[in-house]
Amino acid sequence: MNVYVTGGSFRNAAEIDINSLFYFNVYKVRDIREVINRITKNYQFNNQIKSEYQILKQARKNNHR
């Protein structure tokens, strides 16, 4: 089963596997908004890391010319 999370900060709907939500139980999260908030932060953070990595990769490529 998949959970589809949409929001202002998502360009596309982010598809999250329901199994990945189980670790939120460790924090005893009762509020679904809190769960979505954490997913959103993780999603934004991962995208930020990816784009920074792309910039570094491009810079490295330019230096080798």
N, C-alpha and C. Protein backbone atom coordinates (compact mmCIF):
# COMPACT_ATOMS: atom_id res chain seq x y z
N MET A 1 0.85 -1.19 0.00
CA MET A 1 0.00 0.00 0.00
C MET A 1 0.88 1.24 0.00
N ASN A 2 0.53 2.21 -0.81
CA ASN A 2 1.30 3.45 -0.86
C ASN A 2 0.49 4.60 -0.30
N VAL A 3 1.20 5.54 0.28
CA VAL A 3 0.58 6.77 0.77
C VAL A 3 1.03 7.88 -0.16
N TYR A 4 0.10 8.67 -0.62
CA TYR A 4 0.46 9.78 -1.49
C TYR A 4 0.35 11.07 -0.70
N VAL A 5 1.44 11.79 -0.62
CA VAL A 5 1.47 13.03 0.15
C VAL A 5 1.62 14.18 -0.83
N THR A 6 0.68 15.10 -0.78
CA THR A 6 0.80 16.28 -1.64
C THR A 6 0.78 17.52 -0.76
N GLY A 7 1.39 18.57 -1.23
CA GLY A 7 1.42 19.81 -0.45
C GLY A 7 2.10 20.90 -1.24
N GLY A 8 2.08 22.10 -0.70
CA GLY A 8 2.65 23.26 -1.37
C GLY A 8 4.13 23.10 -1.67
N SER A 9 4.83 22.36 -0.81
CA SER A 9 6.28 22.24 -0.98
C SER A 9 6.66 21.13 -1.95
N PHE A 10 5.67 20.40 -2.46
CA PHE A 10 5.95 19.32 -3.39
C PHE A 10 5.63 19.76 -4.81
N ARG A 11 6.58 19.64 -5.70
CA ARG A 11 6.30 19.92 -7.10
C ARG A 11 5.43 18.80 -7.66
N ASN A 12 5.80 17.57 -7.33
CA ASN A 12 5.00 16.40 -7.69
C ASN A 12 4.55 15.74 -6.41
N ALA A 13 3.55 14.88 -6.52
CA ALA A 13 3.15 14.10 -5.34
C ALA A 13 4.31 13.18 -4.98
N ALA A 14 4.64 13.13 -3.72
CA ALA A 14 5.71 12.24 -3.26
C ALA A 14 5.07 10.92 -2.87
N GLU A 15 5.57 9.85 -3.44
CA GLU A 15 5.03 8.53 -3.13
C GLU A 15 5.87 7.91 -2.03
N ILE A 16 5.24 7.60 -0.93
CA ILE A 16 5.95 7.03 0.21
C ILE A 16 5.37 5.66 0.54
N ASP A 17 6.23 4.67 0.63
CA ASP A 17 5.79 3.33 0.98
C ASP A 17 5.32 3.32 2.43
N ILE A 18 4.17 2.71 2.66
CA ILE A 18 3.59 2.68 4.02
C ILE A 18 4.53 2.03 5.02
N ASN A 19 5.36 1.07 4.57
CA ASN A 19 6.30 0.40 5.47
C ASN A 19 7.32 1.37 6.05
N SER A 20 7.65 2.40 5.31
CA SER A 20 8.64 3.36 5.80
C SER A 20 8.07 4.25 6.89
N LEU A 21 6.76 4.20 7.08
CA LEU A 21 6.16 5.03 8.13
C LEU A 21 6.25 4.38 9.50
N PHE A 22 6.54 3.07 9.55
CA PHE A 22 6.48 2.37 10.82
C PHE A 22 7.49 2.89 11.83
N TYR A 23 8.62 3.43 11.37
CA TYR A 23 9.61 3.89 12.34
C TYR A 23 9.12 5.12 13.10
N PHE A 24 8.06 5.77 12.59
CA PHE A 24 7.49 6.90 13.32
C PHE A 24 6.86 6.45 14.64
N ASN A 25 6.50 5.16 14.73
CA ASN A 25 5.91 4.64 15.97
C ASN A 25 6.89 4.73 17.13
N VAL A 26 8.17 4.70 16.82
CA VAL A 26 9.19 4.81 17.86
C VAL A 26 9.02 6.13 18.61
N TYR A 27 8.62 7.17 17.88
CA TYR A 27 8.45 8.49 18.48
C TYR A 27 7.04 8.68 19.04
N LYS A 28 6.19 7.63 18.95
CA LYS A 28 4.81 7.70 19.42
C LYS A 28 4.08 8.92 18.84
N VAL A 29 4.15 9.04 17.53
CA VAL A 29 3.48 10.15 16.86
C VAL A 29 2.00 9.82 16.74
N ARG A 30 1.16 10.67 17.31
CA ARG A 30 -0.28 10.44 17.24
C ARG A 30 -0.93 11.33 16.19
N ASP A 31 -0.24 12.37 15.80
CA ASP A 31 -0.82 13.36 14.89
C ASP A 31 -0.30 13.13 13.48
N ILE A 32 -1.19 12.84 12.55
CA ILE A 32 -0.78 12.58 11.16
C ILE A 32 -0.09 13.80 10.55
N ARG A 33 -0.44 14.99 11.01
CA ARG A 33 0.22 16.20 10.49
C ARG A 33 1.70 16.20 10.84
N GLU A 34 2.01 15.70 12.03
CA GLU A 34 3.42 15.62 12.44
C GLU A 34 4.19 14.65 11.54
N VAL A 35 3.55 13.53 11.22
CA VAL A 35 4.18 12.55 10.32
C VAL A 35 4.44 13.17 8.96
N ILE A 36 3.42 13.84 8.42
CA ILE A 36 3.55 14.47 7.09
C ILE A 36 4.61 15.56 7.13
N ASN A 37 4.66 16.29 8.24
CA ASN A 37 5.65 17.33 8.41
C ASN A 37 7.07 16.76 8.35
N ARG A 38 7.28 15.63 9.03
CA ARG A 38 8.61 15.00 9.02
C ARG A 38 8.97 14.48 7.64
N ILE A 39 7.97 13.89 6.96
CA ILE A 39 8.22 13.38 5.61
C ILE A 39 8.60 14.53 4.69
N THR A 40 7.87 15.64 4.81
CA THR A 40 8.13 16.82 3.97
C THR A 40 9.55 17.32 4.19
N LYS A 41 9.96 17.41 5.47
CA LYS A 41 11.31 17.88 5.78
C LYS A 41 12.36 16.94 5.20
N ASN A 42 12.14 15.62 5.34
CA ASN A 42 13.08 14.64 4.78
C ASN A 42 13.15 14.76 3.27
N TYR A 43 11.99 14.94 2.65
CA TYR A 43 11.90 15.02 1.19
C TYR A 43 12.66 16.24 0.69
N GLN A 44 12.46 17.39 1.35
CA GLN A 44 13.15 18.62 0.96
C GLN A 44 14.65 18.49 1.20
N PHE A 45 15.02 17.91 2.34
CA PHE A 45 16.43 17.74 2.68
C PHE A 45 17.13 16.85 1.66
N ASN A 46 16.49 15.73 1.29
CA ASN A 46 17.09 14.82 0.32
C ASN A 46 17.27 15.49 -1.03
N ASN A 47 16.29 16.29 -1.45
CA ASN A 47 16.41 17.00 -2.72
C ASN A 47 17.53 18.03 -2.67
N GLN A 48 17.68 18.68 -1.52
CA GLN A 48 18.75 19.67 -1.35
C GLN A 48 20.11 18.99 -1.46
N ILE A 49 20.27 17.86 -0.80
CA ILE A 49 21.52 17.10 -0.86
C ILE A 49 21.82 16.68 -2.30
N LYS A 50 20.78 16.20 -3.00
CA LYS A 50 20.97 15.76 -4.39
C LYS A 50 21.44 16.90 -5.27
N SER A 51 20.82 18.08 -5.12
CA SER A 51 21.20 19.20 -5.99
C SER A 51 22.60 19.71 -5.64
N GLU A 52 22.96 19.71 -4.36
CA GLU A 52 24.31 20.11 -3.97
C GLU A 52 25.35 19.14 -4.53
N TYR A 53 25.01 17.86 -4.53
CA TYR A 53 25.89 16.84 -5.08
C TYR A 53 26.09 17.06 -6.58
N GLN A 54 25.01 17.39 -7.29
CA GLN A 54 25.10 17.65 -8.73
C GLN A 54 26.02 18.85 -9.01
N ILE A 55 25.90 19.89 -8.19
CA ILE A 55 26.74 21.09 -8.35
C ILE A 55 28.21 20.72 -8.14
N LEU A 56 28.49 19.94 -7.08
CA LEU A 56 29.87 19.52 -6.81
C LEU A 56 30.43 18.67 -7.94
N LYS A 57 29.59 17.77 -8.45
CA LYS A 57 30.02 16.88 -9.53
C LYS A 57 30.37 17.70 -10.78
N GLN A 58 29.54 18.70 -11.09
CA GLN A 58 29.78 19.56 -12.25
C GLN A 58 31.06 20.37 -12.06
N ALA A 59 31.27 20.89 -10.85
CA ALA A 59 32.46 21.68 -10.56
C ALA A 59 33.72 20.83 -10.72
N ARG A 60 33.65 19.59 -10.25
CA ARG A 60 34.79 18.68 -10.35
C ARG A 60 35.11 18.40 -11.82
N LYS A 61 34.03 18.21 -12.61
CA LYS A 61 34.20 17.95 -14.04
C LYS A 61 34.86 19.15 -14.72
N ASN A 62 34.44 20.36 -14.35
CA ASN A 62 35.00 21.58 -14.94
C ASN A 62 36.47 21.76 -14.59
N ASN A 63 36.85 21.35 -13.38
CA ASN A 63 38.25 21.48 -12.94
C ASN A 63 39.19 20.56 -13.69
N HIS A 64 38.68 19.45 -14.20
CA HIS A 64 39.53 18.47 -14.88
C HIS A 64 39.79 18.83 -16.34
N ARG A 65 39.16 19.88 -16.82
CA ARG A 65 39.36 20.27 -18.22
C ARG A 65 40.69 20.97 -18.42
